[in-house]
Amino acid sequence: MLPTTRKKLRWKKEEIVAEYPLAIAMALREELGGSRQSIKRLVRWTGASERTVQNWLGGVRGPSGPHLVALAKHSPAVHIAYLSMTGRDNEVATDITASVALLREALALLTARRPP
């Protein structure tokens, strides 16, 4: 029998597992609140059941891959929460700053008076 040469990579799965549902719950509650209307909205966005959405809002469970993509598509707060968990939230701030600068430049060009 050949010995296994595979090394086990250790990462802190427990921290990610505990942090993920709470981060998503906080982002959803911050943006939408916990009302019945927000639950219905999340059901429409993702196609998940109401009970599943209640678990997300309560921080009991986090959304699975397709549901997370749908949430990030509709909710900037979820998108930013996900990026901050991956450590890439600084890139979003840079993109937003660049976008604001471009919009201001475009607005200045559009509102500039043309000579007669």
N, C-alpha and C. Protein backbone atom coordinates (compact mmCIF):
# COMPACT_ATOMS: atom_id res chain seq x y z
N MET A 1 0.84 -1.17 0.00
CA MET A 1 0.00 0.00 0.00
C MET A 1 0.89 1.24 0.00
N LEU A 2 0.55 2.19 -0.86
CA LEU A 2 1.31 3.42 -0.96
C LEU A 2 0.86 4.41 0.11
N PRO A 3 1.80 5.13 0.69
CA PRO A 3 1.41 6.12 1.69
C PRO A 3 0.77 7.34 1.01
N THR A 4 -0.11 7.95 1.72
CA THR A 4 -0.73 9.16 1.18
C THR A 4 0.20 10.34 1.40
N THR A 5 0.37 11.11 0.37
CA THR A 5 1.28 12.26 0.46
C THR A 5 0.51 13.57 0.49
N ARG A 6 -0.79 13.47 0.51
CA ARG A 6 -1.61 14.67 0.51
C ARG A 6 -1.51 15.37 1.86
N LYS A 7 -1.33 16.66 1.80
CA LYS A 7 -1.29 17.43 3.03
C LYS A 7 -2.66 18.04 3.28
N LYS A 8 -3.03 18.09 4.51
CA LYS A 8 -4.30 18.70 4.86
C LYS A 8 -4.09 20.20 5.05
N LEU A 9 -4.87 20.95 4.32
CA LEU A 9 -4.82 22.40 4.48
C LEU A 9 -5.78 22.78 5.59
N ARG A 10 -5.30 23.53 6.52
CA ARG A 10 -6.15 23.92 7.64
C ARG A 10 -6.64 25.34 7.43
N TRP A 11 -7.91 25.50 7.50
CA TRP A 11 -8.51 26.82 7.46
C TRP A 11 -9.63 26.84 8.47
N LYS A 12 -9.97 27.98 8.88
CA LYS A 12 -10.91 28.13 9.99
C LYS A 12 -12.35 28.08 9.48
N LYS A 13 -12.79 26.90 9.14
CA LYS A 13 -14.13 26.71 8.60
C LYS A 13 -15.19 27.10 9.62
N GLU A 14 -14.94 26.84 10.88
CA GLU A 14 -15.91 27.13 11.92
C GLU A 14 -16.23 28.62 11.98
N GLU A 15 -15.20 29.46 11.82
CA GLU A 15 -15.42 30.90 11.86
C GLU A 15 -16.27 31.35 10.68
N ILE A 16 -15.98 30.82 9.51
CA ILE A 16 -16.73 31.19 8.32
C ILE A 16 -18.17 30.71 8.44
N VAL A 17 -18.36 29.50 8.92
CA VAL A 17 -19.70 28.93 9.05
C VAL A 17 -20.53 29.75 10.02
N ALA A 18 -19.95 30.23 11.10
CA ALA A 18 -20.68 31.01 12.09
C ALA A 18 -20.91 32.45 11.62
N GLU A 19 -19.97 33.01 10.89
CA GLU A 19 -20.03 34.42 10.48
C GLU A 19 -20.98 34.64 9.30
N TYR A 20 -21.02 33.72 8.39
CA TYR A 20 -21.75 33.89 7.14
C TYR A 20 -23.25 34.15 7.33
N PRO A 21 -23.99 33.30 8.03
CA PRO A 21 -25.43 33.57 8.17
C PRO A 21 -25.72 34.88 8.88
N LEU A 22 -24.92 35.22 9.87
CA LEU A 22 -25.15 36.47 10.61
C LEU A 22 -24.87 37.69 9.74
N ALA A 23 -23.82 37.64 8.94
CA ALA A 23 -23.50 38.77 8.07
C ALA A 23 -24.60 39.00 7.04
N ILE A 24 -25.11 37.94 6.46
CA ILE A 24 -26.18 38.06 5.47
C ILE A 24 -27.45 38.56 6.14
N ALA A 25 -27.76 38.03 7.32
CA ALA A 25 -28.96 38.46 8.06
C ALA A 25 -28.89 39.95 8.38
N MET A 26 -27.74 40.40 8.85
CA MET A 26 -27.60 41.81 9.19
C MET A 26 -27.74 42.69 7.95
N ALA A 27 -27.17 42.26 6.83
CA ALA A 27 -27.28 43.04 5.59
C ALA A 27 -28.73 43.11 5.11
N LEU A 28 -29.44 41.98 5.16
CA LEU A 28 -30.83 41.97 4.72
C LEU A 28 -31.71 42.81 5.63
N ARG A 29 -31.53 42.69 6.93
CA ARG A 29 -32.34 43.46 7.87
C ARG A 29 -32.04 44.95 7.77
N GLU A 30 -30.79 45.29 7.52
CA GLU A 30 -30.42 46.70 7.38
C GLU A 30 -31.11 47.32 6.18
N GLU A 31 -31.14 46.58 5.09
CA GLU A 31 -31.71 47.12 3.87
C GLU A 31 -33.23 47.01 3.81
N LEU A 32 -33.77 45.86 4.23
CA LEU A 32 -35.19 45.61 4.04
C LEU A 32 -36.02 45.58 5.32
N GLY A 33 -35.38 45.35 6.45
CA GLY A 33 -36.13 45.17 7.69
C GLY A 33 -36.59 43.72 7.81
N GLY A 34 -37.42 43.44 8.77
CA GLY A 34 -37.87 42.07 8.98
C GLY A 34 -39.36 41.90 8.83
N SER A 35 -39.99 42.82 8.12
CA SER A 35 -41.44 42.79 7.98
C SER A 35 -41.90 41.67 7.04
N ARG A 36 -43.19 41.47 7.03
CA ARG A 36 -43.80 40.47 6.14
C ARG A 36 -43.57 40.84 4.68
N GLN A 37 -43.60 42.13 4.39
CA GLN A 37 -43.39 42.58 3.01
C GLN A 37 -41.98 42.27 2.53
N SER A 38 -41.01 42.43 3.42
CA SER A 38 -39.64 42.14 3.03
C SER A 38 -39.45 40.64 2.80
N ILE A 39 -40.13 39.81 3.56
CA ILE A 39 -40.05 38.36 3.35
C ILE A 39 -40.61 38.02 1.96
N LYS A 40 -41.75 38.60 1.63
CA LYS A 40 -42.36 38.36 0.32
C LYS A 40 -41.44 38.83 -0.81
N ARG A 41 -40.78 39.97 -0.60
CA ARG A 41 -39.86 40.49 -1.62
C ARG A 41 -38.69 39.54 -1.82
N LEU A 42 -38.14 39.03 -0.73
CA LEU A 42 -37.02 38.10 -0.83
C LEU A 42 -37.44 36.79 -1.50
N VAL A 43 -38.65 36.35 -1.24
CA VAL A 43 -39.17 35.14 -1.90
C VAL A 43 -39.25 35.38 -3.41
N ARG A 44 -39.72 36.56 -3.81
CA ARG A 44 -39.80 36.88 -5.25
C ARG A 44 -38.42 36.96 -5.88
N TRP A 45 -37.47 37.55 -5.17
CA TRP A 45 -36.13 37.70 -5.71
C TRP A 45 -35.44 36.36 -5.93
N THR A 46 -35.63 35.43 -4.97
CA THR A 46 -34.83 34.20 -4.97
C THR A 46 -35.59 32.94 -5.36
N GLY A 47 -36.91 32.92 -5.19
CA GLY A 47 -37.67 31.71 -5.43
C GLY A 47 -37.61 30.74 -4.26
N ALA A 48 -37.03 31.16 -3.15
CA ALA A 48 -36.94 30.31 -1.96
C ALA A 48 -38.27 30.34 -1.21
N SER A 49 -38.47 29.40 -0.32
CA SER A 49 -39.70 29.37 0.46
C SER A 49 -39.66 30.45 1.54
N GLU A 50 -40.83 30.77 2.07
CA GLU A 50 -40.91 31.78 3.12
C GLU A 50 -40.15 31.35 4.37
N ARG A 51 -40.23 30.08 4.69
CA ARG A 51 -39.52 29.58 5.87
C ARG A 51 -38.00 29.71 5.69
N THR A 52 -37.52 29.44 4.50
CA THR A 52 -36.10 29.59 4.22
C THR A 52 -35.67 31.04 4.39
N VAL A 53 -36.48 31.95 3.86
CA VAL A 53 -36.17 33.38 3.98
C VAL A 53 -36.19 33.81 5.44
N GLN A 54 -37.13 33.29 6.22
CA GLN A 54 -37.16 33.61 7.65
C GLN A 54 -35.89 33.13 8.35
N ASN A 55 -35.39 31.96 7.94
CA ASN A 55 -34.13 31.47 8.50
C ASN A 55 -32.96 32.38 8.13
N TRP A 56 -32.97 32.91 6.92
CA TRP A 56 -31.91 33.85 6.53
C TRP A 56 -31.98 35.11 7.38
N LEU A 57 -33.18 35.67 7.53
CA LEU A 57 -33.33 36.90 8.30
C LEU A 57 -33.01 36.70 9.78
N GLY A 58 -33.25 35.50 10.28
CA GLY A 58 -32.95 35.20 11.67
C GLY A 58 -31.50 34.82 11.91
N GLY A 59 -30.73 34.65 10.85
CA GLY A 59 -29.34 34.26 11.00
C GLY A 59 -29.15 32.80 11.34
N VAL A 60 -30.20 32.00 11.18
CA VAL A 60 -30.12 30.56 11.47
C VAL A 60 -29.31 29.85 10.40
N ARG A 61 -29.57 30.19 9.15
CA ARG A 61 -28.86 29.62 8.01
C ARG A 61 -28.57 30.73 7.01
N GLY A 62 -27.57 30.49 6.18
CA GLY A 62 -27.25 31.43 5.11
C GLY A 62 -27.76 30.89 3.79
N PRO A 63 -27.94 31.76 2.81
CA PRO A 63 -28.44 31.31 1.51
C PRO A 63 -27.41 30.46 0.78
N SER A 64 -27.91 29.50 -0.01
CA SER A 64 -27.03 28.67 -0.82
C SER A 64 -26.54 29.47 -2.02
N GLY A 65 -25.71 28.89 -2.83
CA GLY A 65 -25.08 29.58 -3.96
C GLY A 65 -26.03 30.33 -4.87
N PRO A 66 -27.00 29.65 -5.51
CA PRO A 66 -27.90 30.38 -6.42
C PRO A 66 -28.72 31.45 -5.72
N HIS A 67 -29.13 31.18 -4.49
CA HIS A 67 -29.90 32.17 -3.74
C HIS A 67 -29.02 33.37 -3.38
N LEU A 68 -27.77 33.10 -3.04
CA LEU A 68 -26.85 34.19 -2.71
C LEU A 68 -26.61 35.08 -3.92
N VAL A 69 -26.47 34.48 -5.08
CA VAL A 69 -26.27 35.26 -6.31
C VAL A 69 -27.49 36.13 -6.57
N ALA A 70 -28.69 35.57 -6.41
CA ALA A 70 -29.91 36.35 -6.62
C ALA A 70 -30.02 37.50 -5.61
N LEU A 71 -29.66 37.23 -4.37
CA LEU A 71 -29.70 38.28 -3.35
C LEU A 71 -28.70 39.38 -3.66
N ALA A 72 -27.48 39.00 -4.04
CA ALA A 72 -26.46 39.99 -4.35
C ALA A 72 -26.83 40.81 -5.58
N LYS A 73 -27.57 40.21 -6.50
CA LYS A 73 -28.02 40.91 -7.69
C LYS A 73 -29.00 42.02 -7.33
N HIS A 74 -29.88 41.76 -6.38
CA HIS A 74 -30.93 42.71 -6.02
C HIS A 74 -30.57 43.60 -4.84
N SER A 75 -29.64 43.18 -4.01
CA SER A 75 -29.36 43.89 -2.77
C SER A 75 -27.89 44.32 -2.69
N PRO A 76 -27.62 45.60 -2.77
CA PRO A 76 -26.24 46.07 -2.61
C PRO A 76 -25.66 45.74 -1.24
N ALA A 77 -26.50 45.72 -0.21
CA ALA A 77 -26.01 45.42 1.14
C ALA A 77 -25.50 43.98 1.22
N VAL A 78 -26.19 43.05 0.61
CA VAL A 78 -25.74 41.65 0.60
C VAL A 78 -24.47 41.52 -0.22
N HIS A 79 -24.42 42.20 -1.34
CA HIS A 79 -23.23 42.15 -2.19
C HIS A 79 -22.00 42.65 -1.43
N ILE A 80 -22.14 43.76 -0.74
CA ILE A 80 -21.02 44.32 0.01
C ILE A 80 -20.66 43.43 1.19
N ALA A 81 -21.67 42.85 1.86
CA ALA A 81 -21.39 41.93 2.98
C ALA A 81 -20.60 40.72 2.50
N TYR A 82 -20.98 40.18 1.35
CA TYR A 82 -20.26 39.03 0.80
C TYR A 82 -18.82 39.41 0.47
N LEU A 83 -18.64 40.56 -0.18
CA LEU A 83 -17.29 40.99 -0.52
C LEU A 83 -16.44 41.26 0.72
N SER A 84 -17.05 41.77 1.76
CA SER A 84 -16.28 42.02 2.98
C SER A 84 -15.87 40.71 3.65
N MET A 85 -16.69 39.68 3.53
CA MET A 85 -16.31 38.37 4.08
C MET A 85 -15.14 37.76 3.30
N THR A 86 -15.04 38.11 2.03
CA THR A 86 -13.93 37.59 1.22
C THR A 86 -12.69 38.47 1.31
N GLY A 87 -12.83 39.63 1.96
CA GLY A 87 -11.70 40.53 2.09
C GLY A 87 -11.50 41.41 0.88
N ARG A 88 -12.50 41.53 0.03
CA ARG A 88 -12.37 42.31 -1.20
C ARG A 88 -13.25 43.56 -1.19
N ASP A 89 -13.64 44.02 -0.02
CA ASP A 89 -14.54 45.17 0.06
C ASP A 89 -13.85 46.47 -0.31
N ASN A 90 -12.53 46.55 -0.23
CA ASN A 90 -11.83 47.76 -0.63
C ASN A 90 -11.93 48.00 -2.12
N GLU A 91 -12.02 46.94 -2.90
CA GLU A 91 -12.15 47.07 -4.34
C GLU A 91 -13.46 47.74 -4.71
N VAL A 92 -14.51 47.47 -3.94
CA VAL A 92 -15.82 48.07 -4.21
C VAL A 92 -15.75 49.57 -3.97
N ALA A 93 -15.10 49.99 -2.90
CA ALA A 93 -14.98 51.41 -2.61
C ALA A 93 -14.23 52.13 -3.72
N THR A 94 -13.19 51.51 -4.25
CA THR A 94 -12.43 52.11 -5.35
C THR A 94 -13.30 52.22 -6.59
N ASP A 95 -14.08 51.18 -6.89
CA ASP A 95 -14.96 51.21 -8.05
C ASP A 95 -16.02 52.29 -7.92
N ILE A 96 -16.57 52.44 -6.73
CA ILE A 96 -17.61 53.44 -6.50
C ILE A 96 -17.03 54.84 -6.65
N THR A 97 -15.85 55.06 -6.11
CA THR A 97 -15.21 56.36 -6.22
C THR A 97 -14.93 56.71 -7.68
N ALA A 98 -14.45 55.76 -8.43
CA ALA A 98 -14.18 55.98 -9.86
C ALA A 98 -15.48 56.24 -10.61
N SER A 99 -16.53 55.53 -10.28
CA SER A 99 -17.82 55.72 -10.95
C SER A 99 -18.38 57.11 -10.66
N VAL A 100 -18.28 57.55 -9.42
CA VAL A 100 -18.77 58.88 -9.06
C VAL A 100 -18.00 59.95 -9.81
N ALA A 101 -16.69 59.79 -9.92
CA ALA A 101 -15.87 60.75 -10.65
C ALA A 101 -16.27 60.81 -12.12
N LEU A 102 -16.50 59.66 -12.73
CA LEU A 102 -16.92 59.63 -14.14
C LEU A 102 -18.29 60.26 -14.33
N LEU A 103 -19.21 60.01 -13.39
CA LEU A 103 -20.54 60.61 -13.50
C LEU A 103 -20.48 62.13 -13.36
N ARG A 104 -19.64 62.61 -12.46
CA ARG A 104 -19.50 64.07 -12.31
C ARG A 104 -18.91 64.69 -13.57
N GLU A 105 -17.94 64.03 -14.16
CA GLU A 105 -17.34 64.53 -15.40
C GLU A 105 -18.37 64.55 -16.53
N ALA A 106 -19.17 63.49 -16.64
CA ALA A 106 -20.20 63.43 -17.67
C ALA A 106 -21.25 64.51 -17.44
N LEU A 107 -21.62 64.73 -16.19
CA LEU A 107 -22.61 65.76 -15.87
C LEU A 107 -22.07 67.15 -16.21
N ALA A 108 -20.80 67.37 -15.93
CA ALA A 108 -20.19 68.66 -16.27
C ALA A 108 -20.18 68.86 -17.78
N LEU A 109 -19.89 67.83 -18.54
CA LEU A 109 -19.89 67.94 -20.00
C LEU A 109 -21.29 68.19 -20.54
N LEU A 110 -22.29 67.56 -19.95
CA LEU A 110 -23.67 67.72 -20.42
C LEU A 110 -24.24 69.08 -20.08
N THR A 111 -23.83 69.64 -18.95
CA THR A 111 -24.40 70.92 -18.54
C THR A 111 -23.58 72.11 -18.99
N ALA A 112 -22.43 71.88 -19.61
CA ALA A 112 -21.59 72.98 -20.11
C ALA A 112 -22.31 73.69 -21.24
N ARG A 113 -22.24 75.00 -21.22
CA ARG A 113 -22.91 75.78 -22.25
C ARG A 113 -22.03 75.82 -23.51
N ARG A 114 -22.68 75.66 -24.62
CA ARG A 114 -21.98 75.74 -25.89
C ARG A 114 -22.02 77.18 -26.39
N PRO A 115 -20.94 77.60 -27.02
CA PRO A 115 -20.95 78.97 -27.56
C PRO A 115 -21.95 79.09 -28.72
N PRO A 116 -22.58 80.25 -28.88
CA PRO A 116 -23.58 80.41 -29.95
C PRO A 116 -23.02 80.37 -31.34
